[in-house]
Structure formats: structure tokens, C-alpha cells
C-alpha atoms as a PDB file:
ATOM      1  CA  MET A   1      72.334 -33.305 250.941  1.00  0.00           C
ATOM      2  CA  SER A   2      72.458 -36.543 249.006  1.00  0.00           C
ATOM      3  CA  LEU A   3      70.386 -39.575 249.735  1.00  0.00           C
ATOM      4  CA  ALA A   4      72.911 -42.177 250.844  1.00  0.00           C
ATOM      5  CA  PRO A   5      72.069 -45.629 249.545  1.00  0.00           C
ATOM      6  CA  PRO A   6      70.630 -47.906 252.231  1.00  0.00           C
ATOM      7  CA  SER A   7      73.052 -50.584 253.251  1.00  0.00           C
ATOM      8  CA  ALA A   8      72.611 -53.911 251.546  1.00  0.00           C
ATOM      9  CA  PRO A   9      71.689 -56.680 253.992  1.00  0.00           C
ATOM     10  CA  PRO A  10      74.808 -58.211 255.483  1.00  0.00           C
ATOM     11  CA  ARG A  11      76.061 -61.447 254.007  1.00  0.00           C
ATOM     12  CA  ARG A  12      75.342 -64.661 255.809  1.00  0.00           C
ATOM     13  CA  SER A  13      78.036 -65.802 258.204  1.00  0.00           C
ATOM     14  CA  PRO A  14      79.939 -69.008 257.382  1.00  0.00           C
ATOM     15  CA  GLY A  15      77.884 -70.907 259.958  1.00  0.00           C
ATOM     16  CA  ARG A  16      74.558 -70.210 258.266  1.00  0.00           C
ATOM     17  CA  PRO A  17      72.907 -72.805 256.055  1.00  0.00           C
ATOM     18  CA  ARG A  18      73.779 -72.461 252.366  1.00  0.00           C
ATOM     19  CA  GLU A  19      71.110 -74.619 250.818  1.00  0.00           C
ATOM     20  CA  PHE A  20      68.871 -71.632 250.041  1.00  0.00           C
ATOM     21  CA  ASP A  21      69.146 -68.246 248.357  1.00  0.00           C
ATOM     22  CA  ALA A  22      69.295 -65.649 251.141  1.00  0.00           C
ATOM     23  CA  ASP A  23      68.137 -62.789 248.897  1.00  0.00           C
ATOM     24  CA  ALA A  24      65.158 -64.792 247.650  1.00  0.00           C
ATOM     25  CA  ALA A  25      64.305 -65.721 251.233  1.00  0.00           C
ATOM     26  CA  LEU A  26      64.443 -62.069 252.303  1.00  0.00           C
ATOM     27  CA  ASN A  27      62.311 -61.065 249.315  1.00  0.00           C
ATOM     28  CA  ALA A  28      59.667 -63.560 250.412  1.00  0.00           C
ATOM     29  CA  ALA A  29      59.854 -62.400 254.027  1.00  0.00           C
ATOM     30  CA  LEU A  30      59.563 -58.713 253.218  1.00  0.00           C
ATOM     31  CA  LEU A  31      56.462 -59.390 251.133  1.00  0.00           C
ATOM     32  CA  VAL A  32      54.783 -61.045 254.122  1.00  0.00           C
ATOM     33  CA  PHE A  33      55.835 -58.206 256.423  1.00  0.00           C
ATOM     34  CA  ARG A  34      54.468 -55.678 253.915  1.00  0.00           C
ATOM     35  CA  GLN A  35      51.111 -57.393 253.711  1.00  0.00           C
ATOM     36  CA  ARG A  36      50.620 -58.319 257.361  1.00  0.00           C
ATOM     37  CA  GLY A  37      52.883 -56.051 259.382  1.00  0.00           C
ATOM     38  CA  PHE A  38      55.457 -57.132 261.933  1.00  0.00           C
ATOM     39  CA  HIS A  39      53.130 -58.060 264.776  1.00  0.00           C
ATOM     40  CA  ALA A  40      50.601 -60.009 262.723  1.00  0.00           C
ATOM     41  CA  THR A  41      53.278 -62.007 260.913  1.00  0.00           C
ATOM     42  CA  SER A  42      54.006 -65.346 262.548  1.00  0.00           C
ATOM     43  CA  VAL A  43      57.017 -67.568 262.082  1.00  0.00           C
ATOM     44  CA  ALA A  44      54.617 -70.048 260.467  1.00  0.00           C
ATOM     45  CA  ASP A  45      53.650 -67.376 257.907  1.00  0.00           C
ATOM     46  CA  LEU A  46      57.313 -66.746 257.189  1.00  0.00           C
ATOM     47  CA  SER A  47      58.086 -70.439 257.003  1.00  0.00           C
ATOM     48  CA  THR A  48      55.440 -70.938 254.337  1.00  0.00           C
ATOM     49  CA  ALA A  49      56.457 -67.894 252.292  1.00  0.00           C
ATOM     50  CA  MET A  50      60.193 -68.547 252.507  1.00  0.00           C
ATOM     51  CA  ALA A  51      59.866 -72.313 251.958  1.00  0.00           C
ATOM     52  CA  LEU A  52      62.025 -72.886 255.036  1.00  0.00           C
ATOM     53  CA  THR A  53      61.353 -74.736 258.254  1.00  0.00           C
ATOM     54  CA  PRO A  54      61.080 -72.609 261.415  1.00  0.00           C
ATOM     55  CA  GLY A  55      64.319 -74.213 262.572  1.00  0.00           C
ATOM     56  CA  SER A  56      66.123 -73.128 259.420  1.00  0.00           C
ATOM     57  CA  ILE A  57      64.780 -69.591 259.816  1.00  0.00           C
ATOM     58  CA  TYR A  58      66.043 -69.360 263.398  1.00  0.00           C
ATOM     59  CA  LYS A  59      69.393 -70.856 262.433  1.00  0.00           C
ATOM     60  CA  ALA A  60      69.874 -68.462 259.523  1.00  0.00           C
ATOM     61  CA  PHE A  61      68.334 -65.285 260.935  1.00  0.00           C
ATOM     62  CA  THR A  62      68.287 -65.777 264.738  1.00  0.00           C
ATOM     63  CA  ASP A  63      64.732 -64.512 265.359  1.00  0.00           C
ATOM     64  CA  LYS A  64      61.796 -62.699 263.762  1.00  0.00           C
ATOM     65  CA  ARG A  65      63.067 -59.273 264.793  1.00  0.00           C
ATOM     66  CA  THR A  66      66.455 -59.811 263.134  1.00  0.00           C
ATOM     67  CA  LEU A  67      64.773 -61.200 260.027  1.00  0.00           C
ATOM     68  CA  PHE A  68      62.521 -58.139 259.879  1.00  0.00           C
ATOM     69  CA  ALA A  69      65.506 -55.781 260.159  1.00  0.00           C
ATOM     70  CA  LEU A  70      67.318 -57.585 257.336  1.00  0.00           C
ATOM     71  CA  ALA A  71      64.197 -57.675 255.166  1.00  0.00           C
ATOM     72  CA  PHE A  72      63.639 -53.971 255.837  1.00  0.00           C
ATOM     73  CA  GLN A  73      67.160 -53.110 254.711  1.00  0.00           C
ATOM     74  CA  ARG A  74      66.755 -55.204 251.572  1.00  0.00           C
ATOM     75  CA  TYR A  75      63.457 -53.450 250.835  1.00  0.00           C
ATOM     76  CA  LEU A  76      65.183 -50.053 251.077  1.00  0.00           C
ATOM     77  CA  HIS A  77      68.094 -51.259 248.955  1.00  0.00           C
ATOM     78  CA  LEU A  78      65.813 -52.446 246.151  1.00  0.00           C
ATOM     79  CA  ARG A  79      63.614 -49.343 246.285  1.00  0.00           C
ATOM     80  CA  TYR A  80      66.653 -47.048 246.237  1.00  0.00           C
ATOM     81  CA  ALA A  81      68.101 -48.774 243.191  1.00  0.00           C
ATOM     82  CA  GLY A  82      64.842 -48.397 241.273  1.00  0.00           C
ATOM     83  CA  LEU A  83      64.517 -44.743 242.249  1.00  0.00           C
ATOM     84  CA  GLN A  84      68.072 -43.905 241.219  1.00  0.00           C
ATOM     85  CA  GLU A  85      67.495 -45.370 237.757  1.00  0.00           C
ATOM     86  CA  ARG A  86      64.380 -43.236 237.376  1.00  0.00           C
ATOM     87  CA  LEU A  87      66.063 -40.029 238.520  1.00  0.00           C
ATOM     88  CA  ALA A  88      69.059 -40.545 236.242  1.00  0.00           C
ATOM     89  CA  GLU A  89      66.773 -40.164 233.235  1.00  0.00           C
ATOM     90  CA  GLU A  90      65.998 -36.511 234.105  1.00  0.00           C
ATOM     91  CA  THR A  91      68.258 -33.465 233.961  1.00  0.00           C
ATOM     92  CA  THR A  92      66.387 -30.756 235.886  1.00  0.00           C
ATOM     93  CA  GLY A  93      65.340 -30.570 239.502  1.00  0.00           C
ATOM     94  CA  ARG A  94      61.696 -30.313 238.485  1.00  0.00           C
ATOM     95  CA  GLY A  95      62.006 -33.303 236.162  1.00  0.00           C
ATOM     96  CA  LYS A  96      63.637 -35.362 238.899  1.00  0.00           C
ATOM     97  CA  LEU A  97      60.977 -34.369 241.429  1.00  0.00           C
ATOM     98  CA  GLN A  98      58.201 -35.350 239.051  1.00  0.00           C
ATOM     99  CA  ALA A  99      59.996 -38.635 238.312  1.00  0.00           C
ATOM    100  CA  MET A 100      60.311 -39.316 242.044  1.00  0.00           C
ATOM    101  CA  LEU A 101      56.619 -38.644 242.614  1.00  0.00           C
ATOM    102  CA  GLU A 102      55.709 -40.875 239.680  1.00  0.00           C
ATOM    103  CA  HIS A 103      58.026 -43.579 241.004  1.00  0.00           C
ATOM    104  CA  TYR A 104      56.073 -43.687 244.257  1.00  0.00           C
ATOM    105  CA  ALA A 105      52.764 -43.384 242.437  1.00  0.00           C
ATOM    106  CA  GLU A 106      53.482 -46.443 240.290  1.00  0.00           C
ATOM    107  CA  VAL A 107      53.765 -48.633 243.389  1.00  0.00           C
ATOM    108  CA  ALA A 108      50.720 -47.086 245.086  1.00  0.00           C
ATOM    109  CA  HIS A 109      47.996 -48.724 243.002  1.00  0.00           C
ATOM    110  CA  GLY A 110      46.899 -52.193 241.960  1.00  0.00           C
ATOM    111  CA  LEU A 111      48.420 -55.285 243.530  1.00  0.00           C
ATOM    112  CA  GLU A 112      51.644 -53.518 244.480  1.00  0.00           C
ATOM    113  CA  GLY A 113      49.673 -50.780 246.196  1.00  0.00           C
ATOM    114  CA  ARG A 114      47.611 -53.285 248.181  1.00  0.00           C
ATOM    115  CA  ARG A 115      50.777 -55.018 249.339  1.00  0.00           C
ATOM    116  CA  GLY A 116      51.732 -51.764 250.995  1.00  0.00           C
ATOM    117  CA  CYS A 117      54.950 -49.983 251.868  1.00  0.00           C
ATOM    118  CA  LEU A 118      57.131 -51.575 254.527  1.00  0.00           C
ATOM    119  CA  VAL A 119      58.320 -48.161 255.724  1.00  0.00           C
ATOM    120  CA  VAL A 120      54.868 -46.612 256.064  1.00  0.00           C
ATOM    121  CA  GLY A 121      53.349 -49.771 257.488  1.00  0.00           C
ATOM    122  CA  SER A 122      56.056 -50.030 260.116  1.00  0.00           C
ATOM    123  CA  ALA A 123      56.098 -46.377 261.183  1.00  0.00           C
ATOM    124  CA  SER A 124      53.218 -46.546 263.661  1.00  0.00           C
ATOM    125  CA  GLN A 125      53.812 -50.167 264.696  1.00  0.00           C
ATOM    126  CA  MET A 126      57.379 -49.618 265.805  1.00  0.00           C
ATOM    127  CA  ALA A 127      56.938 -46.232 267.497  1.00  0.00           C
ATOM    128  CA  THR A 128      56.009 -47.722 270.867  1.00  0.00           C
ATOM    129  CA  PHE A 129      57.347 -51.246 270.381  1.00  0.00           C
ATOM    130  CA  ASP A 130      61.049 -51.175 269.619  1.00  0.00           C
ATOM    131  CA  ALA A 131      63.184 -48.042 269.785  1.00  0.00           C
ATOM    132  CA  ASP A 132      65.920 -49.381 267.511  1.00  0.00           C
ATOM    133  CA  LEU A 133      63.527 -50.552 264.795  1.00  0.00           C
ATOM    134  CA  ALA A 134      61.542 -47.301 265.142  1.00  0.00           C
ATOM    135  CA  ASP A 135      64.742 -45.343 264.569  1.00  0.00           C
ATOM    136  CA  MET A 136      65.487 -47.456 261.491  1.00  0.00           C
ATOM    137  CA  VAL A 137      62.073 -46.552 260.074  1.00  0.00           C
ATOM    138  CA  ALA A 138      62.494 -42.867 260.970  1.00  0.00           C
ATOM    139  CA  THR A 139      65.905 -42.821 259.281  1.00  0.00           C
ATOM    140  CA  ALA A 140      64.354 -44.186 256.086  1.00  0.00           C
ATOM    141  CA  LEU A 141      61.766 -41.403 256.092  1.00  0.00           C
ATOM    142  CA  ARG A 142      64.430 -38.773 256.751  1.00  0.00           C
ATOM    143  CA  ARG A 143      66.376 -40.046 253.721  1.00  0.00           C
ATOM    144  CA  VAL A 144      63.354 -39.529 251.486  1.00  0.00           C
ATOM    145  CA  ASP A 145      62.798 -36.051 252.935  1.00  0.00           C
ATOM    146  CA  ALA A 146      66.476 -35.195 252.393  1.00  0.00           C
ATOM    147  CA  LYS A 147      66.339 -36.364 248.772  1.00  0.00           C
ATOM    148  CA  LEU A 148      63.238 -34.306 248.096  1.00  0.00           C
ATOM    149  CA  LEU A 149      64.896 -31.253 249.645  1.00  0.00           C
ATOM    150  CA  GLU A 150      68.009 -31.801 247.517  1.00  0.00           C
ATOM    151  CA  LEU A 151      65.898 -31.938 244.360  1.00  0.00           C
ATOM    152  CA  VAL A 152      63.843 -28.871 245.282  1.00  0.00           C
ATOM    153  CA  ARG A 153      67.043 -26.895 245.779  1.00  0.00           C
ATOM    154  CA  LEU A 154      68.428 -28.263 242.514  1.00  0.00           C
ATOM    155  CA  GLY A 155      65.274 -27.115 240.761  1.00  0.00           C
ATOM    156  CA  GLN A 156      65.538 -23.650 242.272  1.00  0.00           C
ATOM    157  CA  ALA A 157      69.171 -23.457 241.177  1.00  0.00           C
ATOM    158  CA  ASP A 158      68.409 -24.460 237.577  1.00  0.00           C
ATOM    159  CA  GLY A 159      65.251 -22.344 237.366  1.00  0.00           C
ATOM    160  CA  SER A 160      62.760 -25.211 237.050  1.00  0.00           C
ATOM    161  CA  VAL A 161      61.283 -24.726 240.545  1.00  0.00           C
ATOM    162  CA  SER A 162      59.968 -21.407 241.818  1.00  0.00           C
ATOM    163  CA  LEU A 163      62.207 -19.448 244.161  1.00  0.00           C
ATOM    164  CA  ALA A 164      59.066 -18.304 245.979  1.00  0.00           C
ATOM    165  CA  VAL A 165      58.547 -21.658 247.683  1.00  0.00           C
ATOM    166  CA  ASP A 166      60.200 -22.603 250.955  1.00  0.00           C
ATOM    167  CA  PRO A 167      62.447 -25.579 250.099  1.00  0.00           C
ATOM    168  CA  ALA A 168      62.156 -27.406 253.431  1.00  0.00           C
ATOM    169  CA  ALA A 169      58.403 -26.931 253.704  1.00  0.00           C
ATOM    170  CA  LEU A 170      57.869 -28.052 250.106  1.00  0.00           C
ATOM    171  CA  ALA A 171      60.046 -31.138 250.607  1.00  0.00           C
ATOM    172  CA  GLN A 172      58.078 -32.103 253.709  1.00  0.00           C
ATOM    173  CA  THR A 173      54.803 -31.524 251.883  1.00  0.00           C
ATOM    174  CA  LEU A 174      55.894 -33.807 249.063  1.00  0.00           C
ATOM    175  CA  LEU A 175      57.028 -36.382 251.623  1.00  0.00           C
ATOM    176  CA  CYS A 176      53.506 -36.373 253.050  1.00  0.00           C
ATOM    177  CA  VAL A 177      52.114 -36.781 249.530  1.00  0.00           C
ATOM    178  CA  VAL A 178      54.246 -39.785 248.581  1.00  0.00           C
ATOM    179  CA  GLN A 179      53.794 -41.536 251.900  1.00  0.00           C
ATOM    180  CA  GLY A 180      50.085 -40.759 251.860  1.00  0.00           C
ATOM    181  CA  LEU A 181      49.828 -42.392 248.449  1.00  0.00           C
ATOM    182  CA  ARG A 182      51.247 -45.588 249.936  1.00  0.00           C
ATOM    183  CA  VAL A 183      48.627 -45.504 252.697  1.00  0.00           C
ATOM    184  CA  VAL A 184      45.621 -45.072 250.397  1.00  0.00           C
ATOM    185  CA  GLY A 185      47.165 -47.543 247.970  1.00  0.00           C
ATOM    186  CA  LYS A 186      46.434 -50.271 250.512  1.00  0.00           C
ATOM    187  CA  VAL A 187      42.711 -49.896 249.832  1.00  0.00           C
ATOM    188  CA  GLY A 188      42.987 -50.153 246.052  1.00  0.00           C
ATOM    189  CA  MET A 189      43.479 -46.657 244.626  1.00  0.00           C
ATOM    190  CA  LYS A 190      43.189 -46.534 240.819  1.00  0.00           C
ATOM    191  CA  ARG A 191      46.188 -45.592 238.702  1.00  0.00           C
ATOM    192  CA  GLU A 192      44.424 -42.606 237.124  1.00  0.00           C
ATOM    193  CA  ASP A 193      43.597 -41.254 240.582  1.00  0.00           C
ATOM    194  CA  VAL A 194      47.163 -41.730 241.779  1.00  0.00           C
ATOM    195  CA  MET A 195      48.586 -39.927 238.763  1.00  0.00           C
ATOM    196  CA  ALA A 196      46.070 -37.093 239.213  1.00  0.00           C
ATOM    197  CA  VAL A 197      47.530 -36.582 242.700  1.00  0.00           C
ATOM    198  CA  VAL A 198      51.012 -36.424 241.191  1.00  0.00           C
ATOM    199  CA  ARG A 199      49.952 -33.804 238.640  1.00  0.00           C
ATOM    200  CA  GLN A 200      48.450 -31.711 241.424  1.00  0.00           C
ATOM    201  CA  ALA A 201      51.579 -32.070 243.564  1.00  0.00           C
ATOM    202  CA  VAL A 202      53.814 -30.943 240.674  1.00  0.00           C
ATOM    203  CA  ARG A 203      51.884 -27.671 240.586  1.00  0.00           C
ATOM    204  CA  LEU A 204      53.340 -26.912 244.022  1.00  0.00           C
ATOM    205  CA  LEU A 205      56.680 -26.374 242.293  1.00  0.00           C
ATOM    206  CA  ASP A 206      55.395 -23.285 240.445  1.00  0.00           C
END
């Protein structure tokens, strides 16, 4: 099963203001949502980060919930593009799995790690708050799981991953590893520690 690319955020309708860059505005918004979470982010926070008045935000994006959904989709779109570039450099299933783990590890330390992952950070917040947004988050996690499973099976087919491992269980284990890295990255995990986790996880492929 292939990991379908997340949809790019829809284009602004003709009635929306055109005096600002929508992608840049969404980039600024998603950074605030990553750092503070949906509930703790106020329209004032977004206004400051996006360099837009609250009125302009409401006119362009309707409300905070809609803005979050659009920022979330942009976050997935950007992350997917970066991951695909990394995977294209490898030829074996094992190589692609290691590249995927390293891709997540590189954003799980330092400033980027402390900013957090919008998917992980939203998973618990949305579970009891908004069914549609919760499903959007769950779908994002299922895509990662599906990609990991695809690569495990590819590795077993090309001989780079042991046939003794259960593909689905291994994929889910690696999902827990990469998402767990994003959680601990919020508290300032060092790069050498993150990469040590990746090396240990790769041993699960043997």
C-alpha cells in the first residue's frame, strides 16, 4: 500500500483578500499550533505570527478551526515532500526504512524538536474535542503506518529485511518509535541520543 500524498491546502476563493501570501500565512500559523497546541493558541497569537489582523484572519480562513485544518494539511504536504525526497535516494526496503527513521530523527532534536510535531501534538487534544479533526489526525498516523508496512514488505521481498519478522507488527513498532521521538523531542533530546534510537530500531529489521 502506497502512502498517498496529503492534499495540498485548497486555494483561496476569489473573495478572499489577496494582499498576503496564503502559504506564508499558513506556515506561520502551523508553527504556532505546533508550539502551543490548538486549545492554547489564541487568535491574538495567530494574528501576531501571521502579521494579519484578526479581521483579516476571519475573512480569509473563517475561524480558528478552519485555519487549523488548513495549516495541518499544509504541514503534512511539506513533511511528505521532504520524506519522498529522502526515500528516493535509497534502493532497498531496509535503506528506505532507515532513511525514514532518520528523517523523523532529524526533526526530533534541537529547535525543530522543541517546536514539536503537529500530528503527535494534536492526537490527544482532538480525541475528545472534535471528531472530524480527530479523524484527520488519525488518518495522518495511518498513512505513516501504511508507508512503514510497505517498506518492510519491500525489504522482505528484496532480502534486506528478515522474513522472520511480522510485517504489520514491525511497522507498528516503528510507528511508535518515530512518533515517540517527536514526543521526547519536545523536551530537548540531543541529536546523538536520537540517532542512537534509530540505530537500535534498525536492528529490529534483522
